[in-house]
Amino acid sequence: MRSLESILELLQRHHQRATYGAVAALVGRTPQNVMQGRPRNRLHSWVVNQDTGQPTGYSSPMVHPSLHERAEILSTEKELATWLQMYSPPS
């Protein structure tokens, strides 16, 4: 199981969005609480709502300016896991 921190770092590094559901599935949490306790900031804005493609509850200054650089949003656990392996293979 990957850590939430490592997933967030890779998403930001590669300017890639992923849904709350996809991230939650990989870290063993629910989509509703996967980002609980984390500040709303640019690093965390890569995790988005599957319907809107936007992070929930963020104002414009909190969102990374490159959020929409890529049209693709990783929306399933499998898509995210495959993407993570491509950019950060296991040691």
N, C-alpha and C. Protein backbone atom coordinates (compact mmCIF):
# COMPACT_ATOMS: atom_id res chain seq x y z
N MET A 1 0.85 -1.19 0.00
CA MET A 1 0.00 0.00 0.00
C MET A 1 0.89 1.25 0.00
N ARG A 2 0.59 2.16 -0.86
CA ARG A 2 1.35 3.41 -0.94
C ARG A 2 0.84 4.41 0.08
N SER A 3 1.70 5.31 0.46
CA SER A 3 1.27 6.35 1.41
C SER A 3 0.56 7.47 0.65
N LEU A 4 -0.33 8.13 1.32
CA LEU A 4 -1.02 9.27 0.72
C LEU A 4 -0.01 10.33 0.31
N GLU A 5 1.00 10.56 1.13
CA GLU A 5 2.01 11.57 0.83
C GLU A 5 2.73 11.27 -0.47
N SER A 6 3.11 10.00 -0.68
CA SER A 6 3.84 9.65 -1.90
C SER A 6 2.95 9.81 -3.13
N ILE A 7 1.68 9.48 -3.01
CA ILE A 7 0.74 9.66 -4.12
C ILE A 7 0.58 11.14 -4.44
N LEU A 8 0.38 11.96 -3.42
CA LEU A 8 0.21 13.39 -3.63
C LEU A 8 1.45 14.02 -4.29
N GLU A 9 2.62 13.61 -3.86
CA GLU A 9 3.85 14.15 -4.42
C GLU A 9 3.97 13.83 -5.90
N LEU A 10 3.65 12.58 -6.29
CA LEU A 10 3.73 12.21 -7.70
C LEU A 10 2.67 12.90 -8.54
N LEU A 11 1.46 13.01 -8.00
CA LEU A 11 0.42 13.71 -8.75
C LEU A 11 0.84 15.15 -9.03
N GLN A 12 1.40 15.81 -8.03
CA GLN A 12 1.84 17.18 -8.22
C GLN A 12 3.01 17.26 -9.18
N ARG A 13 3.98 16.40 -9.02
CA ARG A 13 5.18 16.43 -9.87
C ARG A 13 4.82 16.30 -11.35
N HIS A 14 3.82 15.47 -11.63
CA HIS A 14 3.45 15.20 -13.02
C HIS A 14 2.17 15.92 -13.46
N HIS A 15 1.68 16.80 -12.60
CA HIS A 15 0.48 17.59 -12.90
C HIS A 15 -0.67 16.70 -13.35
N GLN A 16 -0.97 15.72 -12.52
CA GLN A 16 -2.00 14.73 -12.84
C GLN A 16 -3.09 14.73 -11.77
N ARG A 17 -4.34 14.81 -12.19
CA ARG A 17 -5.46 14.73 -11.25
C ARG A 17 -5.89 13.27 -11.06
N ALA A 18 -6.39 12.99 -9.86
CA ALA A 18 -6.97 11.69 -9.55
C ALA A 18 -8.18 11.94 -8.66
N THR A 19 -9.17 11.07 -8.75
CA THR A 19 -10.38 11.27 -7.95
C THR A 19 -10.17 10.87 -6.50
N TYR A 20 -11.04 11.42 -5.65
CA TYR A 20 -11.02 11.04 -4.24
C TYR A 20 -11.18 9.53 -4.11
N GLY A 21 -12.07 8.94 -4.91
CA GLY A 21 -12.32 7.51 -4.84
C GLY A 21 -11.11 6.67 -5.19
N ALA A 22 -10.40 7.06 -6.24
CA ALA A 22 -9.21 6.30 -6.66
C ALA A 22 -8.12 6.36 -5.59
N VAL A 23 -7.88 7.56 -5.07
CA VAL A 23 -6.85 7.72 -4.04
C VAL A 23 -7.25 6.98 -2.77
N ALA A 24 -8.50 7.12 -2.37
CA ALA A 24 -8.99 6.46 -1.15
C ALA A 24 -8.83 4.95 -1.23
N ALA A 25 -9.15 4.38 -2.38
CA ALA A 25 -9.04 2.93 -2.54
C ALA A 25 -7.60 2.45 -2.34
N LEU A 26 -6.64 3.22 -2.82
CA LEU A 26 -5.23 2.82 -2.69
C LEU A 26 -4.68 2.98 -1.28
N VAL A 27 -5.23 3.88 -0.52
CA VAL A 27 -4.70 4.11 0.83
C VAL A 27 -5.58 3.51 1.92
N GLY A 28 -6.65 2.81 1.52
CA GLY A 28 -7.50 2.12 2.50
C GLY A 28 -8.40 3.03 3.30
N ARG A 29 -8.89 4.10 2.67
CA ARG A 29 -9.81 5.01 3.33
C ARG A 29 -11.06 5.17 2.47
N THR A 30 -11.99 5.99 2.91
CA THR A 30 -13.17 6.26 2.11
C THR A 30 -12.98 7.57 1.35
N PRO A 31 -13.66 7.73 0.22
CA PRO A 31 -13.53 8.99 -0.51
C PRO A 31 -13.91 10.20 0.34
N GLN A 32 -14.85 10.03 1.25
CA GLN A 32 -15.31 11.14 2.08
C GLN A 32 -14.27 11.61 3.08
N ASN A 33 -13.36 10.72 3.50
CA ASN A 33 -12.40 11.14 4.52
C ASN A 33 -10.93 11.02 4.11
N VAL A 34 -10.68 10.72 2.85
CA VAL A 34 -9.30 10.51 2.43
C VAL A 34 -8.42 11.75 2.64
N MET A 35 -8.98 12.93 2.49
CA MET A 35 -8.20 14.15 2.65
C MET A 35 -8.47 14.86 3.98
N GLN A 36 -9.21 14.22 4.83
CA GLN A 36 -9.56 14.79 6.13
C GLN A 36 -8.31 15.15 6.92
N GLY A 37 -8.32 16.35 7.49
CA GLY A 37 -7.21 16.81 8.31
C GLY A 37 -6.08 17.44 7.52
N ARG A 38 -6.20 17.46 6.21
CA ARG A 38 -5.17 18.06 5.36
C ARG A 38 -5.60 19.46 4.95
N PRO A 39 -4.66 20.38 4.88
CA PRO A 39 -5.04 21.74 4.48
C PRO A 39 -5.46 21.78 3.01
N ARG A 40 -6.32 22.71 2.70
CA ARG A 40 -6.70 22.93 1.30
C ARG A 40 -5.63 23.82 0.70
N ASN A 41 -4.76 23.21 -0.08
CA ASN A 41 -3.68 23.97 -0.71
C ASN A 41 -3.35 23.35 -2.07
N ARG A 42 -2.40 23.93 -2.74
CA ARG A 42 -2.07 23.50 -4.10
C ARG A 42 -1.62 22.05 -4.17
N LEU A 43 -0.85 21.58 -3.21
CA LEU A 43 -0.40 20.18 -3.21
C LEU A 43 -1.59 19.23 -3.17
N HIS A 44 -2.56 19.54 -2.36
CA HIS A 44 -3.70 18.65 -2.18
C HIS A 44 -4.79 18.83 -3.23
N SER A 45 -4.66 19.85 -4.08
CA SER A 45 -5.71 20.13 -5.05
C SER A 45 -5.73 19.16 -6.23
N TRP A 46 -4.75 18.26 -6.32
CA TRP A 46 -4.72 17.27 -7.40
C TRP A 46 -5.72 16.15 -7.18
N VAL A 47 -6.28 16.05 -6.00
CA VAL A 47 -7.31 15.05 -5.71
C VAL A 47 -8.65 15.73 -5.89
N VAL A 48 -9.46 15.20 -6.80
CA VAL A 48 -10.64 15.93 -7.27
C VAL A 48 -11.93 15.09 -7.24
N ASN A 49 -13.03 15.80 -7.34
CA ASN A 49 -14.35 15.20 -7.44
C ASN A 49 -14.50 14.60 -8.83
N GLN A 50 -15.04 13.39 -8.90
CA GLN A 50 -15.14 12.72 -10.20
C GLN A 50 -16.10 13.41 -11.16
N ASP A 51 -17.10 14.10 -10.65
CA ASP A 51 -18.07 14.75 -11.52
C ASP A 51 -17.61 16.12 -12.03
N THR A 52 -16.91 16.86 -11.18
CA THR A 52 -16.52 18.23 -11.55
C THR A 52 -15.08 18.35 -12.02
N GLY A 53 -14.22 17.41 -11.63
CA GLY A 53 -12.80 17.51 -11.96
C GLY A 53 -12.09 18.55 -11.14
N GLN A 54 -12.76 19.03 -10.10
CA GLN A 54 -12.21 20.07 -9.21
C GLN A 54 -12.10 19.53 -7.79
N PRO A 55 -11.17 20.03 -7.00
CA PRO A 55 -11.11 19.65 -5.60
C PRO A 55 -12.30 20.28 -4.87
N THR A 56 -12.89 19.55 -3.97
CA THR A 56 -14.09 20.01 -3.26
C THR A 56 -13.74 21.04 -2.19
N GLY A 57 -14.46 22.17 -2.23
CA GLY A 57 -14.32 23.19 -1.19
C GLY A 57 -13.12 24.10 -1.32
N TYR A 58 -12.48 24.13 -2.46
CA TYR A 58 -11.29 24.96 -2.67
C TYR A 58 -11.67 26.24 -3.39
N SER A 59 -11.09 27.36 -2.97
CA SER A 59 -11.24 28.61 -3.71
C SER A 59 -10.09 28.68 -4.73
N SER A 60 -10.20 29.56 -5.68
CA SER A 60 -9.20 29.65 -6.76
C SER A 60 -7.75 29.75 -6.28
N PRO A 61 -7.43 30.57 -5.27
CA PRO A 61 -6.02 30.66 -4.85
C PRO A 61 -5.48 29.36 -4.24
N MET A 62 -6.35 28.47 -3.82
CA MET A 62 -5.93 27.21 -3.20
C MET A 62 -5.61 26.14 -4.24
N VAL A 63 -6.03 26.35 -5.47
CA VAL A 63 -5.90 25.36 -6.52
C VAL A 63 -4.63 25.59 -7.32
N HIS A 64 -3.91 24.52 -7.62
CA HIS A 64 -2.69 24.64 -8.41
C HIS A 64 -3.02 25.24 -9.78
N PRO A 65 -2.24 26.22 -10.23
CA PRO A 65 -2.55 26.89 -11.51
C PRO A 65 -2.50 25.95 -12.72
N SER A 66 -1.84 24.82 -12.61
CA SER A 66 -1.73 23.87 -13.72
C SER A 66 -2.72 22.71 -13.59
N LEU A 67 -3.72 22.87 -12.75
CA LEU A 67 -4.64 21.76 -12.47
C LEU A 67 -5.27 21.18 -13.74
N HIS A 68 -5.56 22.01 -14.70
CA HIS A 68 -6.24 21.54 -15.92
C HIS A 68 -5.28 21.34 -17.09
N GLU A 69 -3.99 21.25 -16.78
CA GLU A 69 -2.99 21.04 -17.82
C GLU A 69 -3.25 19.76 -18.59
N ARG A 70 -3.67 18.72 -17.89
CA ARG A 70 -3.99 17.44 -18.52
C ARG A 70 -5.50 17.22 -18.42
N ALA A 71 -6.09 16.76 -19.51
CA ALA A 71 -7.53 16.51 -19.52
C ALA A 71 -7.88 15.24 -18.75
N GLU A 72 -6.98 14.26 -18.77
CA GLU A 72 -7.26 12.97 -18.14
C GLU A 72 -7.30 13.09 -16.62
N ILE A 73 -8.27 12.39 -16.04
CA ILE A 73 -8.37 12.28 -14.59
C ILE A 73 -8.36 10.80 -14.27
N LEU A 74 -7.45 10.38 -13.41
CA LEU A 74 -7.38 8.97 -12.99
C LEU A 74 -8.55 8.73 -12.05
N SER A 75 -9.50 7.90 -12.49
CA SER A 75 -10.75 7.81 -11.73
C SER A 75 -11.00 6.47 -11.07
N THR A 76 -10.14 5.50 -11.30
CA THR A 76 -10.32 4.21 -10.63
C THR A 76 -9.03 3.81 -9.92
N GLU A 77 -9.17 2.92 -8.98
CA GLU A 77 -8.00 2.40 -8.26
C GLU A 77 -7.00 1.80 -9.24
N LYS A 78 -7.49 1.04 -10.20
CA LYS A 78 -6.61 0.38 -11.17
C LYS A 78 -5.87 1.39 -12.03
N GLU A 79 -6.58 2.41 -12.53
CA GLU A 79 -5.93 3.44 -13.35
C GLU A 79 -4.83 4.14 -12.56
N LEU A 80 -5.13 4.49 -11.33
CA LEU A 80 -4.16 5.19 -10.50
C LEU A 80 -2.97 4.29 -10.17
N ALA A 81 -3.24 3.04 -9.82
CA ALA A 81 -2.16 2.11 -9.49
C ALA A 81 -1.23 1.89 -10.69
N THR A 82 -1.81 1.75 -11.87
CA THR A 82 -1.02 1.56 -13.09
C THR A 82 -0.17 2.80 -13.37
N TRP A 83 -0.78 3.98 -13.23
CA TRP A 83 -0.07 5.23 -13.45
C TRP A 83 1.07 5.37 -12.45
N LEU A 84 0.82 5.07 -11.19
CA LEU A 84 1.86 5.17 -10.17
C LEU A 84 3.03 4.25 -10.46
N GLN A 85 2.74 3.05 -10.94
CA GLN A 85 3.83 2.11 -11.26
C GLN A 85 4.67 2.63 -12.42
N MET A 86 4.02 3.29 -13.35
CA MET A 86 4.74 3.84 -14.50
C MET A 86 5.70 4.95 -14.06
N TYR A 87 5.27 5.77 -13.12
CA TYR A 87 6.10 6.91 -12.70
C TYR A 87 6.93 6.66 -11.45
N SER A 88 6.63 5.61 -10.74
CA SER A 88 7.38 5.30 -9.53
C SER A 88 7.35 3.80 -9.29
N PRO A 89 8.14 3.06 -10.08
CA PRO A 89 8.13 1.61 -9.92
C PRO A 89 8.58 1.20 -8.53
N PRO A 90 8.07 0.07 -8.05
CA PRO A 90 8.48 -0.41 -6.72
C PRO A 90 9.98 -0.63 -6.67
N SER A 91 10.59 -0.42 -5.50
CA SER A 91 12.04 -0.57 -5.37
C SER A 91 12.43 -2.01 -5.36
